[in-house]
Amino acid sequence: MPGMLLHQGATVLCLHAGQAQPTVPNPRVKVGGQPVVTQSAPYTVAGCPFTTPAGPLPCVTAQWVTGALRVRAGGVPVLLQDSQAVCAPNGTGVNVLVTQLRVKGS
């Protein structure tokens, strides 16, 4: 499905409201003056409050499992607003809340 491209300044949260940030955005391709993010770049998650009865189990990283089918940067699929990720170590997902509104990919 088509969706807006994710860039370094996009607001991405784990499902527990921890802030997720890309570790390695693509510096050569920019939208709105900010680098785009590709599927191979893991995200780090900070401030996840998730706990289980056994103790805290916060999201630490998120790895993207879906990306654009037709748009690539450096040979790697770019991330779209509807791309899916899995957080480690607990296996939950992420929410993309805010992204740039000019460039759409599929």
PDB file of N, CA and C in Angstrom:
ATOM      1  N   MET A   1       0.833  -1.185   0.000  1.00  0.00           N
ATOM      2  CA  MET A   1       0.000   0.000   0.000  1.00  0.00           C
ATOM      3  C   MET A   1       0.873   1.242   0.000  1.00  0.00           C
ATOM      4  N   PRO A   2       0.431   2.270  -0.685  1.00  0.00           N
ATOM      5  CA  PRO A   2       1.212   3.513  -0.648  1.00  0.00           C
ATOM      6  C   PRO A   2       1.120   4.196   0.712  1.00  0.00           C
ATOM      7  N   GLY A   3       2.194   4.867   1.061  1.00  0.00           N
ATOM      8  CA  GLY A   3       2.230   5.598   2.320  1.00  0.00           C
ATOM      9  C   GLY A   3       3.336   6.631   2.285  1.00  0.00           C
ATOM     10  N   MET A   4       3.307   7.536   3.229  1.00  0.00           N
ATOM     11  CA  MET A   4       4.331   8.568   3.313  1.00  0.00           C
ATOM     12  C   MET A   4       5.661   7.946   3.764  1.00  0.00           C
ATOM     13  N   LEU A   5       6.770   8.431   3.193  1.00  0.00           N
ATOM     14  CA  LEU A   5       8.093   7.939   3.568  1.00  0.00           C
ATOM     15  C   LEU A   5       8.452   8.394   4.973  1.00  0.00           C
ATOM     16  N   LEU A   6       9.096   7.499   5.724  1.00  0.00           N
ATOM     17  CA  LEU A   6       9.593   7.860   7.052  1.00  0.00           C
ATOM     18  C   LEU A   6      10.928   8.574   6.910  1.00  0.00           C
ATOM     19  N   HIS A   7      11.120   9.570   7.723  1.00  0.00           N
ATOM     20  CA  HIS A   7      12.378  10.303   7.753  1.00  0.00           C
ATOM     21  C   HIS A   7      12.877  10.331   9.192  1.00  0.00           C
ATOM     22  N   GLN A   8      14.074  10.839   9.389  1.00  0.00           N
ATOM     23  CA  GLN A   8      14.693  10.830  10.710  1.00  0.00           C
ATOM     24  C   GLN A   8      13.847  11.537  11.767  1.00  0.00           C
ATOM     25  N   GLY A   9      13.101  12.564  11.399  1.00  0.00           N
ATOM     26  CA  GLY A   9      12.310  13.314  12.362  1.00  0.00           C
ATOM     27  C   GLY A   9      10.914  12.780  12.606  1.00  0.00           C
ATOM     28  N   ALA A  10      10.562  11.644  12.008  1.00  0.00           N
ATOM     29  CA  ALA A  10       9.227  11.075  12.207  1.00  0.00           C
ATOM     30  C   ALA A  10       9.046  10.662  13.663  1.00  0.00           C
ATOM     31  N   THR A  11       7.810  10.750  14.147  1.00  0.00           N
ATOM     32  CA  THR A  11       7.505  10.329  15.517  1.00  0.00           C
ATOM     33  C   THR A  11       7.072   8.874  15.488  1.00  0.00           C
ATOM     34  N   VAL A  12       7.910   8.017  16.070  1.00  0.00           N
ATOM     35  CA  VAL A  12       7.644   6.582  16.127  1.00  0.00           C
ATOM     36  C   VAL A  12       7.716   6.170  17.593  1.00  0.00           C
ATOM     37  N   LEU A  13       6.673   5.470  18.063  1.00  0.00           N
ATOM     38  CA  LEU A  13       6.615   4.997  19.448  1.00  0.00           C
ATOM     39  C   LEU A  13       6.404   3.492  19.472  1.00  0.00           C
ATOM     40  N   CYS A  14       6.982   2.818  20.471  1.00  0.00           N
ATOM     41  CA  CYS A  14       6.624   1.420  20.676  1.00  0.00           C
ATOM     42  C   CYS A  14       5.174   1.406  21.183  1.00  0.00           C
ATOM     43  N   LEU A  15       4.568   0.242  21.221  1.00  0.00           N
ATOM     44  CA  LEU A  15       3.165   0.167  21.640  1.00  0.00           C
ATOM     45  C   LEU A  15       2.939   0.546  23.092  1.00  0.00           C
ATOM     46  N   HIS A  16       4.026   0.688  23.852  1.00  0.00           N
ATOM     47  CA  HIS A  16       3.923   1.104  25.256  1.00  0.00           C
ATOM     48  C   HIS A  16       4.285   2.578  25.432  1.00  0.00           C
ATOM     49  N   ALA A  17       4.456   3.293  24.337  1.00  0.00           N
ATOM     50  CA  ALA A  17       4.740   4.732  24.305  1.00  0.00           C
ATOM     51  C   ALA A  17       6.205   5.094  24.534  1.00  0.00           C
ATOM     52  N   GLY A  18       7.113   4.155  24.327  1.00  0.00           N
ATOM     53  CA  GLY A  18       8.538   4.480  24.354  1.00  0.00           C
ATOM     54  C   GLY A  18       8.939   5.127  23.038  1.00  0.00           C
ATOM     55  N   GLN A  19       9.819   6.112  23.074  1.00  0.00           N
ATOM     56  CA  GLN A  19      10.248   6.849  21.888  1.00  0.00           C
ATOM     57  C   GLN A  19      11.265   6.037  21.084  1.00  0.00           C
ATOM     58  N   ALA A  20      10.992   5.829  19.791  1.00  0.00           N
ATOM     59  CA  ALA A  20      11.891   5.067  18.923  1.00  0.00           C
ATOM     60  C   ALA A  20      12.589   6.005  17.940  1.00  0.00           C
ATOM     61  N   GLN A  21      13.898   5.793  17.766  1.00  0.00           N
ATOM     62  CA  GLN A  21      14.715   6.615  16.873  1.00  0.00           C
ATOM     63  C   GLN A  21      15.558   5.716  15.979  1.00  0.00           C
ATOM     64  N   PRO A  22      15.736   6.115  14.693  1.00  0.00           N
ATOM     65  CA  PRO A  22      16.568   5.300  13.803  1.00  0.00           C
ATOM     66  C   PRO A  22      18.037   5.373  14.195  1.00  0.00           C
ATOM     67  N   THR A  23      18.736   4.255  14.051  1.00  0.00           N
ATOM     68  CA  THR A  23      20.160   4.239  14.360  1.00  0.00           C
ATOM     69  C   THR A  23      21.001   4.715  13.186  1.00  0.00           C
ATOM     70  N   VAL A  24      20.567   4.390  11.954  1.00  0.00           N
ATOM     71  CA  VAL A  24      21.359   4.729  10.767  1.00  0.00           C
ATOM     72  C   VAL A  24      20.439   5.193   9.639  1.00  0.00           C
ATOM     73  N   PRO A  25      20.023   6.465   9.629  1.00  0.00           N
ATOM     74  CA  PRO A  25      19.250   6.949   8.490  1.00  0.00           C
ATOM     75  C   PRO A  25      20.148   7.037   7.255  1.00  0.00           C
ATOM     76  N   ASN A  26      19.545   7.054   6.073  1.00  0.00           N
ATOM     77  CA  ASN A  26      20.309   7.137   4.826  1.00  0.00           C
ATOM     78  C   ASN A  26      20.682   8.595   4.573  1.00  0.00           C
ATOM     79  N   PRO A  27      21.953   8.964   4.662  1.00  0.00           N
ATOM     80  CA  PRO A  27      22.344  10.374   4.553  1.00  0.00           C
ATOM     81  C   PRO A  27      22.265  10.940   3.143  1.00  0.00           C
ATOM     82  N   ARG A  28      22.132  10.085   2.133  1.00  0.00           N
ATOM     83  CA  ARG A  28      22.162  10.562   0.749  1.00  0.00           C
ATOM     84  C   ARG A  28      20.800  10.927   0.194  1.00  0.00           C
ATOM     85  N   VAL A  29      19.727  10.413   0.798  1.00  0.00           N
ATOM     86  CA  VAL A  29      18.372  10.688   0.301  1.00  0.00           C
ATOM     87  C   VAL A  29      17.619  11.432   1.392  1.00  0.00           C
ATOM     88  N   LYS A  30      17.095  12.605   1.044  1.00  0.00           N
ATOM     89  CA  LYS A  30      16.398  13.424   2.042  1.00  0.00           C
ATOM     90  C   LYS A  30      15.006  13.807   1.570  1.00  0.00           C
ATOM     91  N   VAL A  31      14.101  13.920   2.533  1.00  0.00           N
ATOM     92  CA  VAL A  31      12.762  14.470   2.309  1.00  0.00           C
ATOM     93  C   VAL A  31      12.545  15.529   3.375  1.00  0.00           C
ATOM     94  N   GLY A  32      12.086  16.675   2.971  1.00  0.00           N
ATOM     95  CA  GLY A  32      11.892  17.761   3.929  1.00  0.00           C
ATOM     96  C   GLY A  32      13.186  18.145   4.622  1.00  0.00           C
ATOM     97  N   GLY A  33      14.327  17.929   3.948  1.00  0.00           N
ATOM     98  CA  GLY A  33      15.613  18.273   4.524  1.00  0.00           C
ATOM     99  C   GLY A  33      16.164  17.276   5.529  1.00  0.00           C
ATOM    100  N   GLN A  34      15.455  16.156   5.740  1.00  0.00           N
ATOM    101  CA  GLN A  34      15.910  15.151   6.698  1.00  0.00           C
ATOM    102  C   GLN A  34      16.118  13.815   5.995  1.00  0.00           C
ATOM    103  N   PRO A  35      17.109  13.033   6.430  1.00  0.00           N
ATOM    104  CA  PRO A  35      17.381  11.744   5.806  1.00  0.00           C
ATOM    105  C   PRO A  35      16.200  10.787   5.930  1.00  0.00           C
ATOM    106  N   VAL A  36      15.987   9.973   4.882  1.00  0.00           N
ATOM    107  CA  VAL A  36      14.982   8.917   4.948  1.00  0.00           C
ATOM    108  C   VAL A  36      15.552   7.750   5.729  1.00  0.00           C
ATOM    109  N   VAL A  37      14.682   6.827   6.133  1.00  0.00           N
ATOM    110  CA  VAL A  37      15.100   5.653   6.889  1.00  0.00           C
ATOM    111  C   VAL A  37      14.770   4.419   6.063  1.00  0.00           C
ATOM    112  N   THR A  38      15.715   3.482   6.016  1.00  0.00           N
ATOM    113  CA  THR A  38      15.518   2.258   5.250  1.00  0.00           C
ATOM    114  C   THR A  38      15.183   1.090   6.171  1.00  0.00           C
ATOM    115  N   GLN A  39      14.691   0.018   5.554  1.00  0.00           N
ATOM    116  CA  GLN A  39      14.235  -1.138   6.320  1.00  0.00           C
ATOM    117  C   GLN A  39      15.366  -1.809   7.098  1.00  0.00           C
ATOM    118  N   SER A  40      16.577  -1.711   6.630  1.00  0.00           N
ATOM    119  CA  SER A  40      17.681  -2.390   7.311  1.00  0.00           C
ATOM    120  C   SER A  40      18.141  -1.678   8.578  1.00  0.00           C
ATOM    121  N   ALA A  41      17.740  -0.428   8.765  1.00  0.00           N
ATOM    122  CA  ALA A  41      18.187   0.339   9.928  1.00  0.00           C
ATOM    123  C   ALA A  41      17.339   0.015  11.158  1.00  0.00           C
ATOM    124  N   PRO A  42      17.934  -0.592  12.196  1.00  0.00           N
ATOM    125  CA  PRO A  42      17.162  -0.821  13.417  1.00  0.00           C
ATOM    126  C   PRO A  42      16.899   0.495  14.144  1.00  0.00           C
ATOM    127  N   TYR A  43      15.896   0.495  14.968  1.00  0.00           N
ATOM    128  CA  TYR A  43      15.572   1.655  15.807  1.00  0.00           C
ATOM    129  C   TYR A  43      15.942   1.326  17.238  1.00  0.00           C
ATOM    130  N   THR A  44      16.334   2.330  18.001  1.00  0.00           N
ATOM    131  CA  THR A  44      16.507   2.161  19.442  1.00  0.00           C
ATOM    132  C   THR A  44      15.265   2.741  20.110  1.00  0.00           C
ATOM    133  N   VAL A  45      14.871   2.141  21.213  1.00  0.00           N
ATOM    134  CA  VAL A  45      13.672   2.578  21.929  1.00  0.00           C
ATOM    135  C   VAL A  45      14.089   3.029  23.321  1.00  0.00           C
ATOM    136  N   ALA A  46      13.645   4.216  23.703  1.00  0.00           N
ATOM    137  CA  ALA A  46      13.960   4.760  25.031  1.00  0.00           C
ATOM    138  C   ALA A  46      12.672   5.082  25.773  1.00  0.00           C
ATOM    139  N   GLY A  47      12.652   4.843  27.042  1.00  0.00           N
ATOM    140  CA  GLY A  47      11.525   5.232  27.885  1.00  0.00           C
ATOM    141  C   GLY A  47      10.334   4.300  27.831  1.00  0.00           C
ATOM    142  N   CYS A  48      10.526   3.056  27.430  1.00  0.00           N
ATOM    143  CA  CYS A  48       9.409   2.103  27.409  1.00  0.00           C
ATOM    144  C   CYS A  48       9.108   1.647  28.828  1.00  0.00           C
ATOM    145  N   PRO A  49       7.860   1.817  29.290  1.00  0.00           N
ATOM    146  CA  PRO A  49       7.522   1.471  30.674  1.00  0.00           C
ATOM    147  C   PRO A  49       6.995   0.047  30.864  1.00  0.00           C
ATOM    148  N   PHE A  50       7.053  -0.810  29.843  1.00  0.00           N
ATOM    149  CA  PHE A  50       6.428  -2.135  29.904  1.00  0.00           C
ATOM    150  C   PHE A  50       7.009  -3.004  31.003  1.00  0.00           C
ATOM    151  N   THR A  51       6.137  -3.601  31.791  1.00  0.00           N
ATOM    152  CA  THR A  51       6.540  -4.550  32.828  1.00  0.00           C
ATOM    153  C   THR A  51       5.639  -5.774  32.767  1.00  0.00           C
ATOM    154  N   THR A  52       6.128  -6.876  33.268  1.00  0.00           N
ATOM    155  CA  THR A  52       5.362  -8.115  33.368  1.00  0.00           C
ATOM    156  C   THR A  52       5.297  -8.498  34.847  1.00  0.00           C
ATOM    157  N   PRO A  53       4.512  -9.500  35.201  1.00  0.00           N
ATOM    158  CA  PRO A  53       4.517  -9.939  36.603  1.00  0.00           C
ATOM    159  C   PRO A  53       5.903 -10.370  37.086  1.00  0.00           C
ATOM    160  N   ALA A  54       6.758 -10.796  36.149  1.00  0.00           N
ATOM    161  CA  ALA A  54       8.113 -11.218  36.526  1.00  0.00           C
ATOM    162  C   ALA A  54       9.067 -10.046  36.656  1.00  0.00           C
ATOM    163  N   GLY A  55       8.654  -8.859  36.210  1.00  0.00           N
ATOM    164  CA  GLY A  55       9.524  -7.686  36.303  1.00  0.00           C
ATOM    165  C   GLY A  55       9.508  -6.872  35.025  1.00  0.00           C
ATOM    166  N   PRO A  56      10.345  -5.856  34.959  1.00  0.00           N
ATOM    167  CA  PRO A  56      10.375  -4.994  33.774  1.00  0.00           C
ATOM    168  C   PRO A  56      10.856  -5.745  32.535  1.00  0.00           C
ATOM    169  N   LEU A  57      10.224  -5.446  31.407  1.00  0.00           N
ATOM    170  CA  LEU A  57      10.617  -6.020  30.121  1.00  0.00           C
ATOM    171  C   LEU A  57      10.419  -4.960  29.033  1.00  0.00           C
ATOM    172  N   PRO A  58      11.135  -3.836  29.144  1.00  0.00           N
ATOM    173  CA  PRO A  58      10.908  -2.739  28.208  1.00  0.00           C
ATOM    174  C   PRO A  58      11.428  -3.041  26.805  1.00  0.00           C
ATOM    175  N   CYS A  59      10.822  -2.385  25.827  1.00  0.00           N
ATOM    176  CA  CYS A  59      11.315  -2.453  24.449  1.00  0.00           C
ATOM    177  C   CYS A  59      12.678  -1.760  24.414  1.00  0.00           C
ATOM    178  N   VAL A  60      13.640  -2.360  23.730  1.00  0.00           N
ATOM    179  CA  VAL A  60      14.986  -1.809  23.640  1.00  0.00           C
ATOM    180  C   VAL A  60      15.317  -1.440  22.199  1.00  0.00           C
ATOM    181  N   THR A  61      14.966  -2.319  21.266  1.00  0.00           N
ATOM    182  CA  THR A  61      15.193  -2.066  19.846  1.00  0.00           C
ATOM    183  C   THR A  61      13.947  -2.453  19.068  1.00  0.00           C
ATOM    184  N   ALA A  62      13.863  -1.956  17.847  1.00  0.00           N
ATOM    185  CA  ALA A  62      12.791  -2.348  16.931  1.00  0.00           C
ATOM    186  C   ALA A  62      13.411  -2.617  15.570  1.00  0.00           C
ATOM    187  N   GLN A  63      13.083  -3.775  14.976  1.00  0.00           N
ATOM    188  CA  GLN A  63      13.575  -4.124  13.650  1.00  0.00           C
ATOM    189  C   GLN A  63      12.392  -4.173  12.694  1.00  0.00           C
ATOM    190  N   TRP A  64      12.521  -3.490  11.590  1.00  0.00           N
ATOM    191  CA  TRP A  64      11.441  -3.392  10.606  1.00  0.00           C
ATOM    192  C   TRP A  64      11.363  -4.660   9.784  1.00  0.00           C
ATOM    193  N   VAL A  65      10.146  -5.172   9.597  1.00  0.00           N
ATOM    194  CA  VAL A  65       9.940  -6.400   8.824  1.00  0.00           C
ATOM    195  C   VAL A  65       9.283  -6.129   7.484  1.00  0.00           C
ATOM    196  N   THR A  66       8.692  -4.948   7.305  1.00  0.00           N
ATOM    197  CA  THR A  66       8.139  -4.579   6.002  1.00  0.00           C
ATOM    198  C   THR A  66       8.610  -3.180   5.637  1.00  0.00           C
ATOM    199  N   GLY A  67       8.731  -2.960   4.348  1.00  0.00           N
ATOM    200  CA  GLY A  67       9.130  -1.663   3.815  1.00  0.00           C
ATOM    201  C   GLY A  67       8.464  -1.450   2.471  1.00  0.00           C
ATOM    202  N   ALA A  68       8.893  -0.433   1.772  1.00  0.00           N
ATOM    203  CA  ALA A  68       8.329  -0.145   0.456  1.00  0.00           C
ATOM    204  C   ALA A  68       8.685  -1.263  -0.522  1.00  0.00           C
ATOM    205  N   LEU A  69       7.781  -1.559  -1.439  1.00  0.00           N
ATOM    206  CA  LEU A  69       8.039  -2.572  -2.451  1.00  0.00           C
ATOM    207  C   LEU A  69       8.730  -1.977  -3.676  1.00  0.00           C
ATOM    208  N   ARG A  70       8.482  -0.700  -3.940  1.00  0.00           N
ATOM    209  CA  ARG A  70       8.978  -0.104  -5.175  1.00  0.00           C
ATOM    210  C   ARG A  70       9.988   1.016  -4.988  1.00  0.00           C
ATOM    211  N   VAL A  71      10.147   1.532  -3.795  1.00  0.00           N
ATOM    212  CA  VAL A  71      11.056   2.661  -3.567  1.00  0.00           C
ATOM    213  C   VAL A  71      12.223   2.202  -2.701  1.00  0.00           C
ATOM    214  N   ARG A  72      13.436   2.495  -3.189  1.00  0.00           N
ATOM    215  CA  ARG A  72      14.648   2.095  -2.474  1.00  0.00           C
ATOM    216  C   ARG A  72      15.600   3.261  -2.353  1.00  0.00           C
ATOM    217  N   ALA A  73      16.431   3.212  -1.331  1.00  0.00           N
ATOM    218  CA  ALA A  73      17.507   4.189  -1.152  1.00  0.00           C
ATOM    219  C   ALA A  73      18.764   3.378  -0.873  1.00  0.00           C
ATOM    220  N   GLY A  74      19.775   3.544  -1.709  1.00  0.00           N
ATOM    221  CA  GLY A  74      20.986   2.743  -1.554  1.00  0.00           C
ATOM    222  C   GLY A  74      20.726   1.270  -1.757  1.00  0.00           C
ATOM    223  N   GLY A  75      19.715   0.917  -2.544  1.00  0.00           N
ATOM    224  CA  GLY A  75      19.389  -0.479  -2.816  1.00  0.00           C
ATOM    225  C   GLY A  75      18.555  -1.156  -1.750  1.00  0.00           C
ATOM    226  N   VAL A  76      18.148  -0.421  -0.713  1.00  0.00           N
ATOM    227  CA  VAL A  76      17.382  -0.991   0.397  1.00  0.00           C
ATOM    228  C   VAL A  76      16.001  -0.343   0.429  1.00  0.00           C
ATOM    229  N   PRO A  77      14.922  -1.113   0.657  1.00  0.00           N
ATOM    230  CA  PRO A  77      13.588  -0.518   0.720  1.00  0.00           C
ATOM    231  C   PRO A  77      13.500   0.572   1.789  1.00  0.00           C
ATOM    232  N   VAL A  78      12.851   1.682   1.444  1.00  0.00           N
ATOM    233  CA  VAL A  78      12.621   2.739   2.430  1.00  0.00           C
ATOM    234  C   VAL A  78      11.439   2.342   3.298  1.00  0.00           C
ATOM    235  N   LEU A  79      11.320   2.982   4.451  1.00  0.00           N
ATOM    236  CA  LEU A  79      10.189   2.720   5.335  1.00  0.00           C
ATOM    237  C   LEU A  79       9.046   3.648   4.994  1.00  0.00           C
ATOM    238  N   LEU A  80       7.836   3.138   5.130  1.00  0.00           N
ATOM    239  CA  LEU A  80       6.623   3.906   4.894  1.00  0.00           C
ATOM    240  C   LEU A  80       5.842   4.019   6.193  1.00  0.00           C
ATOM    241  N   GLN A  81       4.873   4.915   6.192  1.00  0.00           N
ATOM    242  CA  GLN A  81       4.080   5.130   7.402  1.00  0.00           C
ATOM    243  C   GLN A  81       3.374   3.854   7.856  1.00  0.00           C
ATOM    244  N   ASP A  82       3.065   2.947   6.935  1.00  0.00           N
ATOM    245  CA  ASP A  82       2.384   1.706   7.316  1.00  0.00           C
ATOM    246  C   ASP A  82       3.331   0.510   7.442  1.00  0.00           C
ATOM    247  N   SER A  83       4.648   0.741   7.436  1.00  0.00           N
ATOM    248  CA  SER A  83       5.609  -0.345   7.630  1.00  0.00           C
ATOM    249  C   SER A  83       5.460  -0.925   9.037  1.00  0.00           C
ATOM    250  N   GLN A  84       5.798  -2.201   9.163  1.00  0.00           N
ATOM    251  CA  GLN A  84       5.647  -2.908  10.433  1.00  0.00           C
ATOM    252  C   GLN A  84       7.011  -3.242  11.026  1.00  0.00           C
ATOM    253  N   ALA A  85       7.111  -3.193  12.347  1.00  0.00           N
ATOM    254  CA  ALA A  85       8.343  -3.524  13.058  1.00  0.00           C
ATOM    255  C   ALA A  85       8.019  -4.402  14.259  1.00  0.00           C
ATOM    256  N   VAL A  86       9.044  -5.113  14.732  1.00  0.00           N
ATOM    257  CA  VAL A  86       8.929  -5.949  15.926  1.00  0.00           C
ATOM    258  C   VAL A  86       9.970  -5.469  16.932  1.00  0.00           C
ATOM    259  N   CYS A  87       9.504  -5.202  18.149  1.00  0.00           N
ATOM    260  CA  CYS A  87      10.409  -4.740  19.209  1.00  0.00           C
ATOM    261  C   CYS A  87      11.029  -5.932  19.932  1.00  0.00           C
ATOM    262  N   ALA A  88      12.268  -5.766  20.346  1.00  0.00           N
ATOM    263  CA  ALA A  88      12.942  -6.778  21.155  1.00  0.00           C
ATOM    264  C   ALA A  88      13.131  -6.187  22.543  1.00  0.00           C
ATOM    265  N   PRO A  89      13.009  -6.941  23.584  1.00  0.00           N
ATOM    266  CA  PRO A  89      12.908  -8.392  23.636  1.00  0.00           C
ATOM    267  C   PRO A  89      11.485  -8.930  23.746  1.00  0.00           C
ATOM    268  N   ASN A  90      10.461  -8.078  23.722  1.00  0.00           N
ATOM    269  CA  ASN A  90       9.113  -8.569  24.025  1.00  0.00           C
ATOM    270  C   ASN A  90       8.216  -8.845  22.828  1.00  0.00           C
ATOM    271  N   GLY A  91       8.631  -8.534  21.602  1.00  0.00           N
ATOM    272  CA  GLY A  91       7.883  -8.908  20.410  1.00  0.00           C
ATOM    273  C   GLY A  91       6.690  -8.048  20.053  1.00  0.00           C
ATOM    274  N   THR A  92       6.529  -6.890  20.671  1.00  0.00           N
ATOM    275  CA  THR A  92       5.416  -6.017  20.313  1.00  0.00           C
ATOM    276  C   THR A  92       5.803  -5.162  19.105  1.00  0.00           C
ATOM    277  N   GLY A  93       4.874  -4.342  18.632  1.00  0.00           N
ATOM    278  CA  GLY A  93       5.107  -3.527  17.447  1.00  0.00           C
ATOM    279  C   GLY A  93       5.367  -2.068  17.763  1.00  0.00           C
ATOM    280  N   VAL A  94       5.261  -1.240  16.728  1.00  0.00           N
ATOM    281  CA  VAL A  94       5.443   0.203  16.863  1.00  0.00           C
ATOM    282  C   VAL A  94       4.285   0.928  16.200  1.00  0.00           C
ATOM    283  N   ASN A  95       4.112   2.181  16.569  1.00  0.00           N
ATOM    284  CA  ASN A  95       3.152   3.078  15.928  1.00  0.00           C
ATOM    285  C   ASN A  95       3.909   4.232  15.304  1.00  0.00           C
ATOM    286  N   VAL A  96       3.635   4.504  14.035  1.00  0.00           N
ATOM    287  CA  VAL A  96       4.192   5.685  13.382  1.00  0.00           C
ATOM    288  C   VAL A  96       3.122   6.757  13.502  1.00  0.00           C
ATOM    289  N   LEU A  97       3.396   7.796  14.294  1.00  0.00           N
ATOM    290  CA  LEU A  97       2.383   8.808  14.570  1.00  0.00           C
ATOM    291  C   LEU A  97       2.470  10.006  13.646  1.00  0.00           C
ATOM    292  N   VAL A  98       3.679  10.515  13.407  1.00  0.00           N
ATOM    293  CA  VAL A  98       3.836  11.710  12.587  1.00  0.00           C
ATOM    294  C   VAL A  98       4.993  11.498  11.624  1.00  0.00           C
ATOM    295  N   THR A  99       4.788  11.865  10.364  1.00  0.00           N
ATOM    296  CA  THR A  99       5.843  11.810   9.371  1.00  0.00           C
ATOM    297  C   THR A  99       5.678  12.978   8.414  1.00  0.00           C
ATOM    298  N   GLN A 100       6.603  13.136   7.494  1.00  0.00           N
ATOM    299  CA  GLN A 100       6.503  14.216   6.513  1.00  0.00           C
ATOM    300  C   GLN A 100       5.281  13.945   5.618  1.00  0.00           C
ATOM    301  N   LEU A 101       4.776  14.981   4.975  1.00  0.00           N
ATOM    302  CA  LEU A 101       3.525  14.843   4.209  1.00  0.00           C
ATOM    303  C   LEU A 101       3.683  15.117   2.720  1.00  0.00           C
ATOM    304  N   ARG A 102       4.903  15.155   2.198  1.00  0.00           N
ATOM    305  CA  ARG A 102       5.096  15.495   0.794  1.00  0.00           C
ATOM    306  C   ARG A 102       5.420  14.332  -0.111  1.00  0.00           C
ATOM    307  N   VAL A 103       6.155  13.340   0.371  1.00  0.00           N
ATOM    308  CA  VAL A 103       6.645  12.261  -0.494  1.00  0.00           C
ATOM    309  C   VAL A 103       5.981  10.954  -0.109  1.00  0.00           C
ATOM    310  N   LYS A 104       5.326  10.343  -1.100  1.00  0.00           N
ATOM    311  CA  LYS A 104       4.625   9.087  -0.894  1.00  0.00           C
ATOM    312  C   LYS A 104       5.310   7.995  -1.706  1.00  0.00           C
ATOM    313  N   GLY A 105       5.371   6.813  -1.158  1.00  0.00           N
ATOM    314  CA  GLY A 105       5.949   5.668  -1.861  1.00  0.00           C
ATOM    315  C   GLY A 105       5.050   4.461  -1.756  1.00  0.00           C
ATOM    316  N   SER A 106       5.412   3.443  -2.489  1.00  0.00           N
ATOM    317  CA  SER A 106       4.648   2.187  -2.401  1.00  0.00           C
ATOM    318  C   SER A 106       5.582   0.997  -2.534  1.00  0.00           C
TER     319      SER A 106
END
